[in-house]
Amino acid sequence: MSSVLPVGAHTDDEARAREPGPRVGDSASRSRRVRAEDIGLFTELTGDANPLHTDPALAARSRFGGVVVQGGVTSGLLNALVAEDLPGPGSVFLSVAWSFRAPARPGDLLTARAEVTGVRTDKPVTHLATTITNQDGVVVLEGTAVVWRDPEVARATR
């Protein structure tokens, strides 16, 4: 039977208390300015050459009024945050539920933030609330993620 601790809940499990790891309420953030080169690299990597991302003249005539950064470039900031910061090295997404709320543009300063909303007590699984905002505080992505962290990698990278 799985057990998820809700926000504000605590466990008295002494072994868990000695084991470092994410706790409900922990958070981390990471920022990056999106460059036109990032769009080009993502296009090369994935083949996503949608004109909304790659053709400034055509994108300007679209409902977006200009080039829009690929969703994978935007959400990739959360990949880095999870893998490097919270929970950290050895982490992989088990599931995500993200909504793209506003377009990200070349030149935007994007800030990804994750907050721990639950921690499994029976395995190294963390539930996160996630957001990405631009330099004006506009939410461009929000949602949730469930992350598993490999215990061996976690121990080796403390």
C-alpha atoms as a PDB file:
ATOM      1  CA  MET A   1       0.000   0.000   0.000  1.00  0.00           C
ATOM      2  CA  SER A   2       1.459   3.357  -0.978  1.00  0.00           C
ATOM      3  CA  SER A   3       1.509   6.279   1.357  1.00  0.00           C
ATOM      4  CA  VAL A   4       1.727   9.919   0.343  1.00  0.00           C
ATOM      5  CA  LEU A   5       2.175  12.589   2.973  1.00  0.00           C
ATOM      6  CA  PRO A   6      -0.014  15.629   2.298  1.00  0.00           C
ATOM      7  CA  VAL A   7       1.182  19.189   2.763  1.00  0.00           C
ATOM      8  CA  GLY A   8       1.780  19.857   6.435  1.00  0.00           C
ATOM      9  CA  ALA A   9       1.986  16.168   7.386  1.00  0.00           C
ATOM     10  CA  HIS A  10       5.010  14.711   9.115  1.00  0.00           C
ATOM     11  CA  THR A  11       6.353  11.211   9.681  1.00  0.00           C
ATOM     12  CA  ASP A  12       7.948   9.949  12.880  1.00  0.00           C
ATOM     13  CA  ASP A  13       9.834   7.207  11.068  1.00  0.00           C
ATOM     14  CA  GLU A  14      13.335   7.514  12.544  1.00  0.00           C
ATOM     15  CA  ALA A  15      15.012   5.867   9.568  1.00  0.00           C
ATOM     16  CA  ARG A  16      13.376   8.348   7.185  1.00  0.00           C
ATOM     17  CA  ALA A  17      14.339  11.230   9.455  1.00  0.00           C
ATOM     18  CA  ARG A  18      18.016  10.192   9.243  1.00  0.00           C
ATOM     19  CA  GLU A  19      17.862   9.776   5.464  1.00  0.00           C
ATOM     20  CA  PRO A  20      18.326  13.049   3.592  1.00  0.00           C
ATOM     21  CA  GLY A  21      15.762  13.680   0.925  1.00  0.00           C
ATOM     22  CA  PRO A  22      13.011  16.004  -0.130  1.00  0.00           C
ATOM     23  CA  ARG A  23      10.443  17.108   2.426  1.00  0.00           C
ATOM     24  CA  VAL A  24       6.959  18.525   1.887  1.00  0.00           C
ATOM     25  CA  GLY A  25       7.370  22.261   1.364  1.00  0.00           C
ATOM     26  CA  ASP A  26      10.908  22.078  -0.047  1.00  0.00           C
ATOM     27  CA  SER A  27      11.285  24.094  -3.236  1.00  0.00           C
ATOM     28  CA  ALA A  28      13.845  24.969  -5.847  1.00  0.00           C
ATOM     29  CA  SER A  29      14.030  27.242  -8.848  1.00  0.00           C
ATOM     30  CA  ARG A  30      16.221  27.649 -11.889  1.00  0.00           C
ATOM     31  CA  SER A  31      16.286  30.434 -14.505  1.00  0.00           C
ATOM     32  CA  ARG A  32      17.477  30.713 -18.074  1.00  0.00           C
ATOM     33  CA  ARG A  33      17.141  33.292 -20.820  1.00  0.00           C
ATOM     34  CA  VAL A  34      15.828  31.591 -23.971  1.00  0.00           C
ATOM     35  CA  ARG A  35      17.932  32.306 -27.048  1.00  0.00           C
ATOM     36  CA  ALA A  36      17.027  31.976 -30.713  1.00  0.00           C
ATOM     37  CA  GLU A  37      19.866  29.428 -30.847  1.00  0.00           C
ATOM     38  CA  ASP A  38      17.937  27.250 -28.362  1.00  0.00           C
ATOM     39  CA  ILE A  39      15.051  27.048 -30.843  1.00  0.00           C
ATOM     40  CA  GLY A  40      17.488  26.081 -33.608  1.00  0.00           C
ATOM     41  CA  LEU A  41      19.146  23.410 -31.484  1.00  0.00           C
ATOM     42  CA  PHE A  42      15.796  21.943 -30.434  1.00  0.00           C
ATOM     43  CA  THR A  43      14.642  21.944 -34.055  1.00  0.00           C
ATOM     44  CA  GLU A  44      17.808  20.113 -35.072  1.00  0.00           C
ATOM     45  CA  LEU A  45      17.494  17.614 -32.223  1.00  0.00           C
ATOM     46  CA  THR A  46      13.783  16.800 -32.619  1.00  0.00           C
ATOM     47  CA  GLY A  47      12.850  17.782 -36.162  1.00  0.00           C
ATOM     48  CA  ASP A  48      10.181  20.168 -34.819  1.00  0.00           C
ATOM     49  CA  ALA A  49      10.417  22.805 -37.551  1.00  0.00           C
ATOM     50  CA  ASN A  50       6.918  24.216 -37.025  1.00  0.00           C
ATOM     51  CA  PRO A  51       6.878  27.684 -38.649  1.00  0.00           C
ATOM     52  CA  LEU A  52       5.535  29.145 -35.395  1.00  0.00           C
ATOM     53  CA  HIS A  53       9.013  28.426 -34.026  1.00  0.00           C
ATOM     54  CA  THR A  54      11.211  28.880 -37.072  1.00  0.00           C
ATOM     55  CA  ASP A  55       9.655  31.410 -39.495  1.00  0.00           C
ATOM     56  CA  PRO A  56       9.495  34.904 -37.966  1.00  0.00           C
ATOM     57  CA  ALA A  57       7.500  36.410 -40.849  1.00  0.00           C
ATOM     58  CA  LEU A  58       4.838  33.711 -40.836  1.00  0.00           C
ATOM     59  CA  ALA A  59       4.754  33.529 -37.029  1.00  0.00           C
ATOM     60  CA  ALA A  60       4.163  37.310 -36.948  1.00  0.00           C
ATOM     61  CA  ARG A  61       0.969  36.803 -38.987  1.00  0.00           C
ATOM     62  CA  SER A  62      -0.290  34.046 -36.660  1.00  0.00           C
ATOM     63  CA  ARG A  63      -2.536  34.538 -33.628  1.00  0.00           C
ATOM     64  CA  PHE A  64       0.689  34.538 -31.544  1.00  0.00           C
ATOM     65  CA  GLY A  65       2.059  37.618 -33.299  1.00  0.00           C
ATOM     66  CA  GLY A  66       5.610  36.305 -33.359  1.00  0.00           C
ATOM     67  CA  VAL A  67       7.908  33.361 -32.808  1.00  0.00           C
ATOM     68  CA  VAL A  68       6.944  31.008 -29.982  1.00  0.00           C
ATOM     69  CA  VAL A  69       9.539  28.860 -28.206  1.00  0.00           C
ATOM     70  CA  GLN A  70       8.884  25.110 -28.501  1.00  0.00           C
ATOM     71  CA  GLY A  71       7.163  23.611 -25.461  1.00  0.00           C
ATOM     72  CA  GLY A  72      10.036  21.166 -25.078  1.00  0.00           C
ATOM     73  CA  VAL A  73      12.504  24.026 -24.676  1.00  0.00           C
ATOM     74  CA  THR A  74      10.261  25.615 -22.058  1.00  0.00           C
ATOM     75  CA  SER A  75       9.531  22.425 -20.104  1.00  0.00           C
ATOM     76  CA  GLY A  76      13.171  21.345 -20.442  1.00  0.00           C
ATOM     77  CA  LEU A  77      13.985  23.824 -17.702  1.00  0.00           C
ATOM     78  CA  LEU A  78      11.967  21.619 -15.339  1.00  0.00           C
ATOM     79  CA  ASN A  79      13.942  18.581 -16.523  1.00  0.00           C
ATOM     80  CA  ALA A  80      17.126  20.338 -15.432  1.00  0.00           C
ATOM     81  CA  LEU A  81      15.632  21.493 -12.132  1.00  0.00           C
ATOM     82  CA  VAL A  82      14.470  17.964 -11.219  1.00  0.00           C
ATOM     83  CA  ALA A  83      17.708  16.289 -12.355  1.00  0.00           C
ATOM     84  CA  GLU A  84      20.063  18.783 -10.722  1.00  0.00           C
ATOM     85  CA  ASP A  85      18.240  20.434  -7.813  1.00  0.00           C
ATOM     86  CA  LEU A  86      15.027  18.844  -6.507  1.00  0.00           C
ATOM     87  CA  PRO A  87      15.014  15.940  -5.887  1.00  0.00           C
ATOM     88  CA  GLY A  88      18.422  15.908  -7.651  1.00  0.00           C
ATOM     89  CA  PRO A  89      20.758  13.587  -9.583  1.00  0.00           C
ATOM     90  CA  GLY A  90      19.247  10.217 -10.413  1.00  0.00           C
ATOM     91  CA  SER A  91      15.719  11.633 -10.739  1.00  0.00           C
ATOM     92  CA  VAL A  92      13.397  10.778 -13.610  1.00  0.00           C
ATOM     93  CA  PHE A  93       9.822  11.800 -14.322  1.00  0.00           C
ATOM     94  CA  LEU A  94       7.217   9.077 -13.805  1.00  0.00           C
ATOM     95  CA  SER A  95       4.399  11.351 -14.931  1.00  0.00           C
ATOM     96  CA  VAL A  96       3.696  14.991 -15.680  1.00  0.00           C
ATOM     97  CA  ALA A  97       0.503  16.979 -16.115  1.00  0.00           C
ATOM     98  CA  TRP A  98       1.469  20.350 -17.551  1.00  0.00           C
ATOM     99  CA  SER A  99      -0.617  23.097 -19.122  1.00  0.00           C
ATOM    100  CA  PHE A 100       0.968  25.733 -21.322  1.00  0.00           C
ATOM    101  CA  ARG A 101      -0.704  29.008 -20.296  1.00  0.00           C
ATOM    102  CA  ALA A 102       1.143  31.633 -22.346  1.00  0.00           C
ATOM    103  CA  PRO A 103       3.745  31.616 -25.114  1.00  0.00           C
ATOM    104  CA  ALA A 104       7.419  31.840 -24.282  1.00  0.00           C
ATOM    105  CA  ARG A 105       9.424  33.992 -26.674  1.00  0.00           C
ATOM    106  CA  PRO A 106      13.071  34.221 -27.676  1.00  0.00           C
ATOM    107  CA  GLY A 107      14.732  36.556 -25.180  1.00  0.00           C
ATOM    108  CA  ASP A 108      12.369  35.673 -22.312  1.00  0.00           C
ATOM    109  CA  LEU A 109      13.931  34.998 -18.934  1.00  0.00           C
ATOM    110  CA  LEU A 110      12.146  31.851 -17.783  1.00  0.00           C
ATOM    111  CA  THR A 111      12.144  30.713 -14.165  1.00  0.00           C
ATOM    112  CA  ALA A 112      11.126  27.159 -13.347  1.00  0.00           C
ATOM    113  CA  ARG A 113       9.979  26.411  -9.812  1.00  0.00           C
ATOM    114  CA  ALA A 114       9.056  23.140  -8.141  1.00  0.00           C
ATOM    115  CA  GLU A 115       7.627  22.590  -4.679  1.00  0.00           C
ATOM    116  CA  VAL A 116       7.323  19.239  -2.943  1.00  0.00           C
ATOM    117  CA  THR A 117       3.650  18.493  -2.240  1.00  0.00           C
ATOM    118  CA  GLY A 118       4.029  14.868  -1.207  1.00  0.00           C
ATOM    119  CA  VAL A 119       6.674  12.259  -0.460  1.00  0.00           C
ATOM    120  CA  ARG A 120       6.115   8.509  -0.640  1.00  0.00           C
ATOM    121  CA  THR A 121       7.255   6.791   2.539  1.00  0.00           C
ATOM    122  CA  ASP A 122       7.652   3.378   0.906  1.00  0.00           C
ATOM    123  CA  LYS A 123       9.825   4.355  -2.082  1.00  0.00           C
ATOM    124  CA  PRO A 124      11.841   7.302  -3.404  1.00  0.00           C
ATOM    125  CA  VAL A 125       8.927   9.036  -5.135  1.00  0.00           C
ATOM    126  CA  THR A 126       8.237  12.745  -4.828  1.00  0.00           C
ATOM    127  CA  HIS A 127       5.145  14.694  -5.919  1.00  0.00           C
ATOM    128  CA  LEU A 128       5.799  18.234  -7.164  1.00  0.00           C
ATOM    129  CA  ALA A 129       3.811  21.345  -8.033  1.00  0.00           C
ATOM    130  CA  THR A 130       5.565  22.979 -10.989  1.00  0.00           C
ATOM    131  CA  THR A 131       5.468  26.387 -12.648  1.00  0.00           C
ATOM    132  CA  ILE A 132       7.458  28.324 -15.196  1.00  0.00           C
ATOM    133  CA  THR A 133       7.117  32.096 -15.329  1.00  0.00           C
ATOM    134  CA  ASN A 134       8.644  34.723 -17.592  1.00  0.00           C
ATOM    135  CA  GLN A 135      10.437  37.912 -16.573  1.00  0.00           C
ATOM    136  CA  ASP A 136       7.081  39.700 -16.146  1.00  0.00           C
ATOM    137  CA  GLY A 137       5.746  37.046 -13.763  1.00  0.00           C
ATOM    138  CA  VAL A 138       3.400  35.617 -16.387  1.00  0.00           C
ATOM    139  CA  VAL A 139       2.851  31.879 -15.910  1.00  0.00           C
ATOM    140  CA  VAL A 140       3.793  30.123 -19.144  1.00  0.00           C
ATOM    141  CA  LEU A 141       3.519  26.559 -17.784  1.00  0.00           C
ATOM    142  CA  GLU A 142       1.965  25.070 -14.656  1.00  0.00           C
ATOM    143  CA  GLY A 143       1.070  21.660 -13.396  1.00  0.00           C
ATOM    144  CA  THR A 144       2.301  18.696 -11.447  1.00  0.00           C
ATOM    145  CA  ALA A 145       4.927  15.997 -11.712  1.00  0.00           C
ATOM    146  CA  VAL A 146       5.732  12.705 -10.038  1.00  0.00           C
ATOM    147  CA  VAL A 147       9.438  11.918  -9.818  1.00  0.00           C
ATOM    148  CA  TRP A 148      11.399   8.798  -8.870  1.00  0.00           C
ATOM    149  CA  ARG A 149      15.003   9.126  -7.668  1.00  0.00           C
ATOM    150  CA  ASP A 150      17.448   6.259  -7.920  1.00  0.00           C
ATOM    151  CA  PRO A 151      18.729   5.635  -4.370  1.00  0.00           C
ATOM    152  CA  GLU A 152      22.200   4.539  -5.519  1.00  0.00           C
ATOM    153  CA  VAL A 153      22.717   7.707  -7.570  1.00  0.00           C
ATOM    154  CA  ALA A 154      21.304   9.824  -4.734  1.00  0.00           C
ATOM    155  CA  ARG A 155      23.802   8.319  -2.248  1.00  0.00           C
ATOM    156  CA  ALA A 156      26.713   8.697  -4.652  1.00  0.00           C
ATOM    157  CA  THR A 157      26.004  12.368  -5.366  1.00  0.00           C
ATOM    158  CA  ARG A 158      25.343  13.700  -1.851  1.00  0.00           C
END
